[in-house]
Protein backbone atom coordinates (compact mmCIF):
# COMPACT_ATOMS: atom_id res chain seq x y z
CA MET A 1 4.36 23.70 4.35
CA ASN A 2 4.21 20.05 3.39
CA GLU A 3 3.35 21.34 -0.20
CA LYS A 4 7.05 22.38 -0.70
CA MET A 5 8.63 19.36 0.48
CA THR A 6 10.08 16.63 -1.80
CA GLN A 7 8.97 13.04 -1.03
CA ASN A 8 12.22 11.86 0.40
CA GLN A 9 11.81 14.88 2.83
CA ARG A 10 8.15 13.65 3.79
CA LEU A 11 9.65 9.89 4.55
CA ASP A 12 12.13 11.32 6.47
CA TYR A 13 9.47 13.31 8.82
CA LEU A 14 7.01 10.74 8.88
CA VAL A 15 9.61 8.15 9.81
CA GLU A 16 10.65 10.68 12.71
CA GLU A 17 7.15 11.37 13.93
CA PHE A 18 6.00 7.63 13.55
CA LYS A 19 9.24 6.62 15.33
CA THR A 20 8.29 9.50 18.41
CA ASP A 21 4.35 8.60 18.52
CA SER A 22 5.38 4.72 18.48
CA VAL A 23 7.24 4.96 22.32
CA GLN A 24 8.20 1.42 22.11
CA TYR A 25 10.28 2.11 18.83
CA LYS A 26 11.43 5.60 20.19
CA GLY A 27 14.96 5.03 19.76
CA LEU A 28 14.81 2.89 16.63
CA GLU A 29 17.76 3.61 14.06
CA THR A 30 16.44 4.92 10.65
CA PRO A 31 18.07 2.98 7.93
CA LYS A 32 19.94 5.45 5.18
CA ASP A 33 18.27 4.05 2.15
CA THR A 34 15.22 4.62 0.64
CA GLY A 35 13.76 1.13 0.87
CA GLY A 36 14.90 0.57 4.41
CA LYS A 37 12.88 3.88 5.46
CA ARG A 38 9.76 2.95 3.76
CA ARG A 39 9.86 -0.53 5.30
CA ILE A 40 10.59 0.78 8.86
CA LEU A 41 7.50 3.52 7.57
CA ARG A 42 5.45 0.76 6.79
CA SER A 43 5.72 -1.32 9.81
CA LEU A 44 5.55 1.70 12.05
CA MET A 45 1.64 2.61 10.54
CA ASN A 46 1.10 -1.26 10.68
CA ILE A 47 1.51 -1.99 14.07
CA ARG A 48 -0.24 1.27 14.98
CA MET A 49 -3.76 1.64 17.35
CA PRO A 50 -6.31 3.50 16.17
CA LYS A 51 -5.67 7.15 17.78
CA ALA A 52 -5.17 10.47 17.47
CA PHE A 53 -2.63 12.08 15.19
CA PRO A 54 -1.85 15.83 14.97
CA ASP A 55 -3.21 17.26 11.86
CA ASP A 56 -0.15 18.59 10.62
CA VAL A 57 1.78 14.94 10.34
CA LEU A 58 -1.63 13.68 8.76
CA ALA A 59 -0.87 16.07 6.19
CA VAL A 60 2.51 15.50 5.49
CA GLN A 61 1.41 11.65 5.27
CA ASP A 62 -1.24 12.16 2.94
CA GLU A 63 0.98 14.32 0.79
CA TYR A 64 3.36 11.64 0.92
CA LEU A 65 0.98 8.71 0.30
CA THR A 66 -0.93 10.33 -2.72
CA GLY A 67 2.87 10.96 -4.15
CA ARG A 68 3.50 7.10 -3.94
CA ALA A 69 0.09 6.56 -5.37
CA GLU A 70 1.20 8.38 -8.33
CA GLU A 71 4.69 6.85 -8.02
CA LYS A 72 2.93 3.17 -8.42
CA GLY A 73 0.86 4.47 -11.33
CA ILE A 74 -3.24 4.87 -10.77
CA VAL A 75 -5.18 2.64 -12.69
CA ARG A 76 -8.64 3.87 -14.17
CA LEU A 77 -11.82 1.76 -15.81
CA SER A 78 -10.63 3.05 -19.02
CA ASP A 79 -7.34 1.47 -18.66
CA ILE A 80 -8.84 -2.23 -18.13
CA PRO A 81 -10.59 -3.86 -20.82
CA GLU A 82 -13.91 -5.02 -20.56
CA ILE A 83 -14.33 -8.90 -21.62
CA ARG A 84 -18.33 -9.29 -20.87
CA ASP A 85 -21.64 -7.52 -19.99
CA GLY A 86 -19.20 -4.98 -17.36
CA LEU A 87 -17.26 -7.68 -16.48
CA SER A 88 -13.14 -7.23 -16.13
CA ILE A 89 -10.18 -8.92 -15.03
CA TRP A 90 -7.12 -6.91 -13.83
CA GLN A 91 -3.90 -8.55 -12.43
CA GLY A 92 -2.13 -6.50 -9.67
CA ASP A 93 -2.19 -4.16 -6.59
CA ILE A 94 -5.41 -3.16 -5.77
CA THR A 95 -4.34 -0.15 -4.41
CA ARG A 96 -3.47 1.46 -7.70
CA LEU A 97 -7.06 0.89 -9.04
CA ALA A 98 -9.46 4.19 -9.08
CA ALA A 99 -12.78 2.28 -9.03
CA ASP A 100 -15.47 4.12 -7.00
CA ALA A 101 -14.87 0.92 -4.43
CA ILE A 102 -12.16 -1.41 -3.80
CA VAL A 103 -13.10 -4.65 -1.83
CA ASN A 104 -10.94 -5.18 1.39
CA ALA A 105 -10.23 -8.95 2.41
CA ALA A 106 -11.00 -8.18 6.19
CA ASN A 107 -11.02 -10.13 9.57
CA SER A 108 -13.68 -10.00 12.26
CA GLN A 109 -11.68 -7.09 14.30
CA MET A 110 -12.24 -5.00 11.23
CA LEU A 111 -9.36 -3.17 12.08
CA GLY A 112 -6.65 -4.22 9.46
CA CYS A 113 -3.81 -6.09 10.23
CA PHE A 114 -1.16 -5.70 12.49
CA VAL A 115 1.84 -7.73 11.28
CA PRO A 116 4.38 -5.05 10.06
CA MET A 117 4.96 -5.60 5.99
CA HIS A 118 2.76 -8.32 5.74
CA THR A 119 1.78 -8.70 2.26
CA CYS A 120 -1.89 -9.46 2.81
CA ILE A 121 -4.57 -7.67 1.25
CA ASP A 122 -5.36 -6.04 4.44
CA ASN A 123 -2.21 -4.71 4.95
CA CYS A 124 -1.68 -3.34 1.65
CA ILE A 125 -4.73 -1.37 1.74
CA HIS A 126 -4.67 0.20 5.27
CA THR A 127 -0.86 1.01 4.55
CA PHE A 128 -1.57 2.82 1.68
CA ALA A 129 -4.72 4.71 2.47
CA GLY A 130 -2.97 5.97 5.70
CA VAL A 131 -3.83 5.71 9.59
CA GLN A 132 -7.04 7.62 9.07
CA LEU A 133 -8.64 4.21 7.86
CA ARG A 134 -7.90 2.05 10.89
CA ALA A 135 -9.16 4.96 13.13
CA GLU A 136 -12.44 5.33 11.10
CA CYS A 137 -12.82 1.18 11.29
CA SER A 138 -12.47 1.24 15.08
CA ARG A 139 -14.95 4.58 15.38
CA GLN A 140 -17.78 2.09 13.46
CA MET A 141 -16.84 -0.95 15.25
CA ASN A 142 -16.99 1.20 18.65
CA GLN A 143 -20.32 2.30 17.85
CA LEU A 144 -21.76 -1.19 16.55
CA ARG A 145 -20.33 -2.59 20.31
CA ILE A 146 -22.42 0.07 21.95
CA LYS A 147 -25.52 -1.41 19.91
CA TYR A 148 -24.50 -4.93 20.33
CA GLY A 149 -22.01 -5.95 23.44
CA LYS A 150 -18.62 -5.60 24.02
CA ASP A 151 -17.53 -8.72 22.30
CA TYR A 152 -19.33 -7.83 18.78
CA GLU A 153 -17.25 -8.95 15.84
CA GLN A 154 -17.97 -8.24 12.07
CA PRO A 155 -20.24 -11.54 10.81
CA THR A 156 -18.78 -13.41 8.13
CA ALA A 157 -20.20 -11.73 4.53
CA VAL A 158 -21.53 -8.48 6.17
CA PRO A 159 -20.21 -5.47 4.76
CA MET A 160 -18.86 -2.49 6.34
CA LEU A 161 -18.18 1.02 3.87
CA THR A 162 -15.45 3.60 4.93
CA ASP A 163 -13.95 5.96 3.18
CA ALA A 164 -10.66 5.23 1.13
CA TYR A 165 -8.41 8.43 2.30
CA ASN A 166 -5.24 8.54 -0.10
CA LEU A 167 -6.40 5.34 -2.00
CA PRO A 168 -7.08 6.23 -6.12
CA ALA A 169 -10.78 4.42 -5.21
CA LYS A 170 -13.65 6.43 -3.85
CA LYS A 171 -14.08 4.01 -0.82
CA VAL A 172 -13.41 0.95 0.55
CA ILE A 173 -15.68 -2.13 1.46
CA HIS A 174 -14.29 -4.45 3.55
CA ILE A 175 -16.00 -7.24 4.26
CA VAL A 176 -15.25 -11.35 6.26
CA GLY A 177 -14.93 -14.24 4.20
CA PRO A 178 -15.71 -17.36 4.87
CA ILE A 179 -12.61 -19.77 6.95
CA VAL A 180 -12.79 -23.08 5.43
CA GLN A 181 -10.71 -25.14 8.59
CA TYR A 182 -11.38 -28.66 7.49
CA LYS A 183 -13.68 -29.29 4.56
CA LEU A 184 -15.36 -27.12 1.84
CA THR A 185 -19.35 -27.18 2.69
CA PRO A 186 -22.36 -25.82 1.38
CA GLU A 187 -22.51 -23.19 4.02
CA LEU A 188 -19.27 -22.03 3.25
CA GLU A 189 -19.78 -21.89 -0.63
CA LYS A 190 -22.83 -19.51 0.35
CA GLU A 191 -21.24 -17.55 2.75
CA LEU A 192 -18.59 -16.75 -0.11
CA ALA A 193 -21.60 -16.48 -2.25
CA ASP A 194 -23.32 -13.57 0.22
CA CYS A 195 -19.57 -11.78 0.22
CA TYR A 196 -20.18 -10.96 -3.35
CA LEU A 197 -23.88 -10.67 -3.71
CA ASN A 198 -24.31 -8.33 -0.42
CA THR A 199 -20.88 -5.85 -1.32
CA LEU A 200 -22.68 -5.62 -4.92
CA ASP A 201 -25.95 -4.48 -2.47
CA MET A 202 -24.04 -2.22 -0.67
CA CYS A 203 -22.66 -0.21 -3.90
CA LEU A 204 -26.19 -0.08 -5.15
CA VAL A 205 -27.47 1.85 -2.06
CA ASN A 206 -24.59 3.82 -1.96
CA ASN A 207 -24.53 4.22 -5.91
CA LEU A 208 -20.95 2.96 -6.09
CA ARG A 209 -21.18 2.28 -9.88
CA SER A 210 -17.93 0.35 -10.36
CA VAL A 211 -16.50 -2.29 -7.82
CA ALA A 212 -12.73 -4.41 -7.57
CA PHE A 213 -12.85 -7.71 -6.08
CA CYS A 214 -10.39 -8.98 -4.09
CA CYS A 215 -9.97 -12.95 -4.65
CA ILE A 216 -12.25 -13.49 -0.75
CA SER A 217 -11.30 -16.24 1.20
CA THR A 218 -8.47 -17.61 -1.04
CA GLY A 219 -5.43 -16.75 1.06
CA VAL A 220 -5.10 -17.90 4.86
CA PHE A 221 -8.67 -18.22 5.00
CA HIS A 222 -7.86 -21.68 2.67
CA PHE A 223 -10.84 -21.59 0.24
CA PRO A 224 -9.72 -23.11 -2.75
CA ASN A 225 -9.28 -20.69 -5.64
CA LYS A 226 -10.47 -22.44 -8.60
CA ARG A 227 -14.03 -23.20 -6.50
CA ALA A 228 -13.85 -19.22 -5.25
CA ALA A 229 -13.72 -18.33 -8.67
CA GLN A 230 -16.13 -20.31 -9.68
CA ILE A 231 -18.56 -18.78 -6.87
CA ALA A 232 -17.96 -15.21 -7.69
CA VAL A 233 -18.64 -15.51 -11.35
CA SER A 234 -21.71 -16.95 -10.89
CA ALA A 235 -22.62 -14.64 -7.71
CA VAL A 236 -22.00 -11.60 -9.79
CA ASP A 237 -23.39 -12.90 -13.02
CA SER A 238 -26.68 -13.69 -11.08
CA TRP A 239 -26.91 -10.52 -9.23
CA LEU A 240 -26.58 -8.31 -12.74
CA SER A 241 -28.68 -10.31 -14.41
CA GLN A 242 -31.24 -8.91 -11.75
CA HIS A 243 -30.12 -5.29 -11.33
CA SER A 244 -29.46 -4.70 -15.18
CA GLY A 245 -27.50 -1.09 -15.78
CA ALA A 246 -26.82 -1.02 -11.96
CA MET A 247 -23.18 -1.22 -12.18
CA GLU A 248 -20.81 0.29 -14.73
CA ARG A 249 -18.34 -2.17 -14.30
CA VAL A 250 -17.43 -5.27 -11.71
CA ILE A 251 -13.27 -5.80 -11.85
CA PHE A 252 -12.26 -9.13 -10.54
CA ASN A 253 -8.90 -7.81 -9.38
CA VAL A 254 -6.48 -10.89 -8.99
CA PHE A 255 -2.73 -11.20 -8.11
CA LYS A 256 -1.54 -14.70 -8.68
CA ASP A 257 -1.24 -15.99 -12.37
CA GLU A 258 -3.56 -19.17 -10.95
CA ASP A 259 -6.31 -17.32 -9.92
CA LYS A 260 -6.00 -15.22 -13.59
CA LYS A 261 -6.35 -18.31 -15.45
CA TYR A 262 -9.27 -19.76 -13.20
CA TYR A 263 -11.27 -16.06 -14.18
CA GLU A 264 -10.16 -15.93 -17.74
CA GLU A 265 -11.62 -19.89 -18.12
CA LEU A 266 -15.35 -18.23 -16.56
CA ILE A 267 -15.32 -15.22 -18.28
């Protein structure tokens, strides 16, 4: 049935289904314009706790998000120039990349961002992957709590691998970067390097041969952008020199012009 729906029909259907599912926002007035409907849908997805959803609704969500990915334009490795030694820089929305894995800057709860329409990468990845991603993260965290205790939170620099669902990438690697609260320390710098090294180790074990790194810890975690880029490139170079031929491509995904400049200077 959903194959024959248009994108606009899917959007209308999903807004109503997510409103009904939310209870609290059941009576919310739906905007008439497409942009308004998209904002409502994304917001309802953002605040939704991980729980079951009817298969027929998920099927429409999947069709809709696959369509949105195509509308935004899927970016493949062949579209991104290699600068040297399998390294690339790409500026833009990481949810467009068809790499084997994209890296998500997560928080220690590992459930994504619950702030409606927040522009952080965690929110974007969860939004365009679909609600299955939060559900999978929740299942993995519940298993870890059984093992380590009910107060378990994901430690810094320990990656978690999930499917990517409706994203063009095959997998998502979620990692918690170090938080700079007062000043930069050697310990924080080592933790950031470990984020890159441990992620590449996870790629190696899982036969993921291309990965796109976001600028881990540079946003609300307050790691200085230039130093973060230096550590990222140094760690990746070091790992690649020890694992020759293991990766087809490592992409530094940047959003800000400032970060693009730093990576271009380093690579």
